[in-house]
């Protein structure tokens, strides 16, 4: 598979909402030959007004492309993947930007597409939706999960280079099921909590006064409650079992806080908040060590195992260079 990563790269983005649209705008800004497609005619018109080429038909958008990014609602991705695969050559790399991975990865395996389909999830977004909310710099410095398969490492390596070089993102390699378990607590449960807090305020007899006094903590805690409801619903239902398991962890910790409060136990309350603050401090900035790791091109099992370890350890890839006989990754791992 040959994938050009300079201005001669031919790319397509199918589904140009917030995330897909940001991918489209970034590729266009980088000088990539990119074409967009969206089922909504008005969205296609908006892209053209922004100077980005769009096609009227999906098959025309993806024809003769080197790489295709799949966006759109989660339930539509399997059918879109099949349609794009049928309309592109076997050496066309395909990836997606959906927020759950295990189900789509399993579907791709059933369809025999793992050699050229790499499940992906850029961890970036806003509480707005649509192409008008898209930002070409949205992914700068963001974590971008990619799920390598043993028979899809050529595609994965090429995509690592594209994501790090063009989007300036941090590639986090993970198994698809591991991704869904981790993102449940990192992203999906926060949507539940934001919805619960905002919903409780909306139902409160003192609603108007609550909203009048709401400051930073309320605004930060409810920000993602402004995400379009259908998008949040698709995300939560698409990862239901993992979200419910993560929610049990959260409610367990909340029960400890409530118990300390009921018991007037200031020491327990302080200890729990000190524990929580430690995670917040690490979120603000963690020290990393750089590691360069090389593999013979044919050592797929060892390569994938190491990649999964990097992601599970909280690390990420900042580069990949593949030669005829060896492949080398630059990884950054949290200091221990």
Protein backbone atom coordinates (compact mmCIF):
# COMPACT_ATOMS: atom_id res chain seq x y z
CA UNK A 1 0.00 0.00 0.00
CA UNK A 2 1.44 3.36 -1.05
CA UNK A 3 0.19 6.36 0.91
CA UNK A 4 1.52 9.78 0.03
CA UNK A 5 1.72 12.20 2.95
CA UNK A 6 2.62 15.36 1.08
CA UNK A 7 0.43 17.64 -1.03
CA UNK A 8 0.04 14.86 -3.63
CA UNK A 9 -1.99 12.76 -1.18
CA UNK A 10 -5.52 12.12 -2.43
CA UNK A 11 -8.02 11.98 0.41
CA UNK A 12 -11.77 11.97 0.92
CA UNK A 13 -13.95 12.64 3.94
CA UNK A 14 -17.38 11.02 4.02
CA UNK A 15 -19.69 12.67 6.56
CA UNK A 16 -18.67 16.24 7.31
CA UNK A 17 -20.17 17.14 10.66
CA UNK A 18 -18.08 18.57 13.49
CA UNK A 19 -15.37 15.89 13.49
CA UNK A 20 -15.44 14.88 9.85
CA UNK A 21 -15.68 18.52 8.86
CA UNK A 22 -12.64 19.39 10.98
CA UNK A 23 -10.73 16.55 9.29
CA UNK A 24 -11.79 17.92 5.91
CA UNK A 25 -10.77 21.50 6.72
CA UNK A 26 -7.40 20.42 8.14
CA UNK A 27 -6.52 18.31 5.11
CA UNK A 28 -7.53 21.18 2.83
CA UNK A 29 -5.47 23.68 4.85
CA UNK A 30 -2.46 21.34 4.62
CA UNK A 31 -2.63 21.40 0.84
CA UNK A 32 -3.89 17.85 0.47
CA UNK A 33 -6.03 16.99 -2.55
CA UNK A 34 -9.20 16.29 -0.58
CA UNK A 35 -12.84 15.90 -1.53
CA UNK A 36 -15.75 15.88 0.90
CA UNK A 37 -19.15 14.28 0.78
CA UNK A 38 -22.15 14.54 3.07
CA UNK A 39 -25.70 13.24 2.58
CA UNK A 40 -27.01 16.71 3.37
CA UNK A 41 -27.05 19.02 0.35
CA UNK A 42 -26.82 22.19 2.46
CA UNK A 43 -23.69 20.85 4.18
CA UNK A 44 -22.08 20.16 0.81
CA UNK A 45 -22.92 23.72 -0.21
CA UNK A 46 -21.33 25.09 2.97
CA UNK A 47 -18.12 23.19 2.21
CA UNK A 48 -17.96 24.58 -1.29
CA UNK A 49 -18.50 28.11 0.04
CA UNK A 50 -15.48 27.48 2.29
CA UNK A 51 -13.46 26.61 -0.80
CA UNK A 52 -13.38 22.86 -0.20
CA UNK A 53 -14.35 20.59 -3.12
CA UNK A 54 -17.32 18.28 -2.56
CA UNK A 55 -18.94 15.64 -4.71
CA UNK A 56 -22.64 15.12 -5.25
CA UNK A 57 -22.29 11.34 -4.93
CA UNK A 58 -20.32 9.32 -2.39
CA UNK A 59 -18.80 7.09 -5.08
CA UNK A 60 -17.43 10.14 -6.89
CA UNK A 61 -15.92 11.55 -3.69
CA UNK A 62 -13.94 8.39 -2.92
CA UNK A 63 -12.92 7.42 -6.47
CA UNK A 64 -9.14 7.07 -6.90
CA UNK A 65 -8.41 8.17 -3.33
CA UNK A 66 -5.44 7.02 -1.23
CA UNK A 67 -7.25 7.41 2.10
CA UNK A 68 -10.88 7.87 3.13
CA UNK A 69 -12.09 9.12 6.52
CA UNK A 70 -15.55 7.97 7.56
CA UNK A 71 -17.72 10.23 9.70
CA UNK A 72 -21.43 10.43 10.33
CA UNK A 73 -23.73 8.90 12.96
CA UNK A 74 -22.42 5.72 14.58
CA UNK A 75 -25.27 3.48 13.36
CA UNK A 76 -24.51 4.40 9.73
CA UNK A 77 -20.80 3.51 9.78
CA UNK A 78 -20.98 -0.23 8.95
CA UNK A 79 -23.04 0.36 5.81
CA UNK A 80 -20.85 3.33 4.83
CA UNK A 81 -17.71 1.23 5.28
CA UNK A 82 -19.08 -1.45 2.94
CA UNK A 83 -20.08 1.14 0.35
CA UNK A 84 -16.71 2.91 0.46
CA UNK A 85 -14.77 -0.37 0.32
CA UNK A 86 -16.72 -1.43 -2.76
CA UNK A 87 -16.08 1.93 -4.47
CA UNK A 88 -12.32 2.08 -3.80
CA UNK A 89 -9.26 0.08 -4.77
CA UNK A 90 -7.77 -2.54 -2.46
CA UNK A 91 -4.82 -0.25 -1.71
CA UNK A 92 -7.07 2.59 -0.46
CA UNK A 93 -6.69 3.07 3.30
CA UNK A 94 -9.97 3.58 5.18
CA UNK A 95 -10.44 4.80 8.74
CA UNK A 96 -13.28 6.23 10.80
CA UNK A 97 -13.71 8.87 13.50
CA UNK A 98 -16.51 7.27 15.53
CA UNK A 99 -16.59 7.26 19.32
CA UNK A 100 -16.89 3.47 19.77
CA UNK A 101 -14.66 0.88 18.17
CA UNK A 102 -15.29 -2.77 19.10
CA UNK A 103 -18.50 -3.30 17.14
CA UNK A 104 -17.22 -1.65 13.97
CA UNK A 105 -13.85 -3.43 14.21
CA UNK A 106 -15.63 -6.79 14.48
CA UNK A 107 -17.82 -5.90 11.50
CA UNK A 108 -14.76 -4.97 9.42
CA UNK A 109 -13.18 -8.32 10.30
CA UNK A 110 -16.33 -10.14 9.17
CA UNK A 111 -16.15 -8.26 5.88
CA UNK A 112 -12.46 -9.12 5.38
CA UNK A 113 -11.41 -5.46 5.51
CA UNK A 114 -8.88 -5.43 8.38
CA UNK A 115 -5.92 -5.21 6.01
CA UNK A 116 -6.97 -1.70 4.97
CA UNK A 117 -9.48 -0.47 7.53
CA UNK A 118 -8.03 1.03 10.73
CA UNK A 119 -10.63 1.94 13.39
CA UNK A 120 -9.94 5.42 14.75
CA UNK A 121 -11.24 7.93 17.26
CA UNK A 122 -9.85 11.47 17.60
CA UNK A 123 -10.45 12.57 21.21
CA UNK A 124 -11.54 16.11 20.45
CA UNK A 125 -14.80 17.96 20.03
CA UNK A 126 -17.09 20.71 21.22
CA UNK A 127 -20.69 20.97 22.33
CA UNK A 128 -21.61 22.24 18.88
CA UNK A 129 -22.38 20.22 15.78
CA UNK A 130 -22.14 20.44 12.03
CA UNK A 131 -19.67 21.74 9.50
CA UNK A 132 -20.19 25.33 10.63
CA UNK A 133 -18.68 24.33 14.00
CA UNK A 134 -15.69 22.54 12.44
CA UNK A 135 -12.18 23.81 13.11
CA UNK A 136 -9.04 22.86 11.14
CA UNK A 137 -6.92 23.05 14.32
CA UNK A 138 -9.31 20.94 16.43
CA UNK A 139 -6.94 17.95 16.65
CA UNK A 140 -3.69 19.77 17.38
CA UNK A 141 -2.16 18.11 20.45
CA UNK A 142 -5.19 15.83 20.88
CA UNK A 143 -5.09 12.09 21.49
CA UNK A 144 -6.16 10.14 18.39
CA UNK A 145 -6.84 6.46 19.03
CA UNK A 146 -5.96 3.98 16.28
CA UNK A 147 -6.62 0.25 16.58
CA UNK A 148 -3.99 -1.85 14.77
CA UNK A 149 -4.71 -5.35 13.51
CA UNK A 150 -1.91 -7.87 12.83
CA UNK A 151 -2.82 -8.04 9.13
CA UNK A 152 -3.35 -4.29 8.89
CA UNK A 153 -0.03 -2.96 10.13
CA UNK A 154 0.96 -1.46 6.80
CA UNK A 155 -2.21 0.63 6.83
CA UNK A 156 -1.76 1.47 10.52
CA UNK A 157 1.83 2.68 10.06
CA UNK A 158 0.86 4.93 7.20
CA UNK A 159 -2.02 6.38 9.16
CA UNK A 160 0.23 7.06 12.18
CA UNK A 161 2.44 9.19 9.93
CA UNK A 162 -0.53 11.04 8.48
CA UNK A 163 -2.14 11.76 11.86
CA UNK A 164 1.07 12.95 13.50
CA UNK A 165 2.42 14.93 10.54
CA UNK A 166 -0.73 16.53 9.13
CA UNK A 167 -3.01 16.76 12.17
CA UNK A 168 -0.27 17.26 14.82
CA UNK A 169 -2.12 14.78 17.04
CA UNK A 170 -0.84 12.13 19.48
CA UNK A 171 -1.58 8.61 18.24
CA UNK A 172 -2.72 6.27 21.02
CA UNK A 173 -2.63 2.63 19.84
CA UNK A 174 -5.25 0.42 21.48
CA UNK A 175 -7.22 -2.74 20.97
CA UNK A 176 -10.79 -1.88 19.99
CA UNK A 177 -12.40 -3.42 23.07
CA UNK A 178 -9.84 -1.78 25.35
CA UNK A 179 -10.64 1.57 23.75
CA UNK A 180 -14.34 1.20 24.51
CA UNK A 181 -13.67 0.34 28.16
CA UNK A 182 -11.32 3.30 28.63
CA UNK A 183 -13.38 5.86 26.73
CA UNK A 184 -16.47 4.92 28.74
CA UNK A 185 -14.93 6.57 31.81
CA UNK A 186 -12.90 9.20 29.97
CA UNK A 187 -15.67 10.50 27.71
CA UNK A 188 -19.02 8.75 27.82
CA UNK A 189 -19.83 8.84 31.55
CA UNK A 190 -19.01 12.58 31.65
CA UNK A 191 -21.88 13.04 29.18
CA UNK A 192 -24.17 11.17 31.59
CA UNK A 193 -23.04 13.29 34.53
CA UNK A 194 -23.37 16.53 32.58
CA UNK A 195 -26.86 15.54 31.50
CA UNK A 196 -27.84 14.63 35.06
CA UNK A 197 -26.62 17.91 36.53
CA UNK A 198 -28.15 20.06 33.81
CA UNK A 199 -31.36 18.05 33.90
CA UNK A 200 -31.66 18.37 37.68
CA UNK A 201 -31.20 22.13 37.39
CA UNK A 202 -33.86 22.28 34.68
CA UNK A 203 -36.36 20.42 36.91
CA UNK A 204 -35.52 22.35 40.06
CA UNK A 205 -38.25 24.61 41.54
CA UNK A 206 -35.45 27.20 41.77
CA UNK A 207 -34.40 26.72 38.12
CA UNK A 208 -34.20 30.40 37.20
CA UNK A 209 -32.24 31.31 40.30
CA UNK A 210 -29.88 28.33 39.84
CA UNK A 211 -29.10 29.32 36.27
CA UNK A 212 -28.65 32.95 37.27
CA UNK A 213 -26.00 31.99 39.82
CA UNK A 214 -24.33 29.26 37.75
CA UNK A 215 -20.63 30.02 37.38
CA UNK A 216 -17.55 28.13 36.23
CA UNK A 217 -18.10 24.85 38.03
CA UNK A 218 -21.65 24.47 36.69
CA UNK A 219 -20.73 25.61 33.19
CA UNK A 220 -17.70 23.28 33.00
CA UNK A 221 -19.61 20.38 34.49
CA UNK A 222 -22.53 20.69 32.07
CA UNK A 223 -20.73 21.75 28.89
CA UNK A 224 -21.23 18.52 26.96
CA UNK A 225 -24.92 18.45 27.89
CA UNK A 226 -25.25 20.91 25.01
CA UNK A 227 -24.16 18.23 22.53
CA UNK A 228 -27.00 17.31 20.14
CA UNK A 229 -29.12 14.76 21.98
CA UNK A 230 -29.28 12.21 19.16
CA UNK A 231 -25.48 12.16 18.91
CA UNK A 232 -25.08 11.58 22.64
CA UNK A 233 -27.75 8.87 22.56
CA UNK A 234 -26.01 7.01 19.73
CA UNK A 235 -22.70 7.21 21.55
CA UNK A 236 -24.03 5.93 24.90
CA UNK A 237 -26.09 3.11 23.39
CA UNK A 238 -23.20 2.11 21.14
CA UNK A 239 -21.06 1.46 24.23
CA UNK A 240 -23.83 0.62 26.70
CA UNK A 241 -22.24 -2.24 28.67
CA UNK A 242 -18.93 -0.44 29.14
CA UNK A 243 -20.67 2.82 30.08
CA UNK A 244 -22.79 1.10 32.71
CA UNK A 245 -19.71 -0.61 34.16
CA UNK A 246 -17.85 2.71 34.35
CA UNK A 247 -20.88 4.42 35.84
CA UNK A 248 -20.80 1.88 38.68
CA UNK A 249 -17.24 3.00 39.47
CA UNK A 250 -18.34 6.64 39.53
CA UNK A 251 -21.41 6.07 41.68
CA UNK A 252 -19.28 4.02 44.08
CA UNK A 253 -16.94 6.96 44.60
CA UNK A 254 -19.90 9.32 44.86
CA UNK A 255 -21.41 7.09 47.54
CA UNK A 256 -18.16 7.40 49.54
CA UNK A 257 -18.35 11.17 49.33
CA UNK A 258 -21.99 11.18 50.36
CA UNK A 259 -21.32 8.81 53.27
CA UNK A 260 -18.53 11.05 54.56
CA UNK A 261 -20.80 14.07 54.25
CA UNK A 262 -23.67 12.39 56.14
CA UNK A 263 -21.28 11.26 58.87
CA UNK A 264 -19.79 14.76 59.21
CA UNK A 265 -16.41 13.06 58.59
CA UNK A 266 -14.17 15.86 57.40
CA UNK A 267 -11.08 13.62 57.25
CA UNK A 268 -12.75 11.10 54.92
CA UNK A 269 -14.20 13.87 52.77
CA UNK A 270 -10.84 15.59 52.50
CA UNK A 271 -9.08 12.31 51.67
CA UNK A 272 -11.48 11.53 48.83
CA UNK A 273 -11.07 15.00 47.34
CA UNK A 274 -7.29 14.77 47.64
CA UNK A 275 -7.50 11.52 45.71
CA UNK A 276 -9.63 13.16 43.03
CA UNK A 277 -7.32 16.17 42.85
CA UNK A 278 -4.37 13.90 42.05
CA UNK A 279 -6.06 12.80 38.83
CA UNK A 280 -6.84 16.40 37.94
CA UNK A 281 -3.20 17.41 38.47
CA UNK A 282 -2.01 14.62 36.16
CA UNK A 283 -4.52 15.72 33.55
CA UNK A 284 -2.99 19.20 33.53
CA UNK A 285 0.45 17.89 32.66
CA UNK A 286 2.34 14.61 32.89
CA UNK A 287 6.08 14.09 32.37
CA UNK A 288 6.97 11.62 29.61
CA UNK A 289 10.04 9.68 28.57
CA UNK A 290 10.78 9.11 24.91
CA UNK A 291 11.37 5.62 23.58
CA UNK A 292 12.35 4.51 20.09
CA UNK A 293 11.31 0.96 19.25
CA UNK A 294 12.11 -0.99 16.08
CA UNK A 295 10.67 -4.21 14.69
CA UNK A 296 11.42 -6.41 11.70
CA UNK A 297 8.66 -5.85 9.17
CA UNK A 298 7.46 -9.44 9.56
CA UNK A 299 7.16 -9.46 13.38
CA UNK A 300 3.47 -8.54 13.45
CA UNK A 301 2.56 -10.22 16.75
CA UNK A 302 5.38 -8.56 18.68
CA UNK A 303 4.69 -5.19 17.08
CA UNK A 304 0.98 -5.23 17.89
CA UNK A 305 1.62 -6.44 21.45
CA UNK A 306 4.03 -3.56 22.07
CA UNK A 307 1.63 -1.03 20.52
CA UNK A 308 -1.17 -2.21 22.81
CA UNK A 309 1.18 -1.87 25.80
CA UNK A 310 1.96 1.74 24.85
CA UNK A 311 -1.72 2.66 24.81
CA UNK A 312 -2.57 0.74 27.98
CA UNK A 313 0.28 2.50 29.82
CA UNK A 314 -1.07 5.94 28.93
CA UNK A 315 1.53 6.53 26.24
CA UNK A 316 1.30 7.68 22.65
CA UNK A 317 3.18 7.64 19.37
CA UNK A 318 4.71 10.78 17.94
CA UNK A 319 6.13 9.25 14.78
CA UNK A 320 6.58 6.17 12.63
CA UNK A 321 9.02 5.42 9.84
CA UNK A 322 8.81 2.19 7.89
CA UNK A 323 11.63 0.89 5.72
CA UNK A 324 11.97 -2.17 3.54
CA UNK A 325 13.02 -4.42 6.43
CA UNK A 326 12.25 -2.59 9.66
CA UNK A 327 9.71 -0.21 11.16
CA UNK A 328 10.59 2.27 13.90
CA UNK A 329 8.21 4.08 16.24
CA UNK A 330 8.85 7.07 18.46
CA UNK A 331 6.78 6.63 21.63
CA UNK A 332 6.28 8.81 24.67
CA UNK A 333 5.49 6.96 27.90
CA UNK A 334 4.52 8.45 31.28
CA UNK A 335 7.35 8.54 33.76
CA UNK A 336 7.02 6.08 36.59
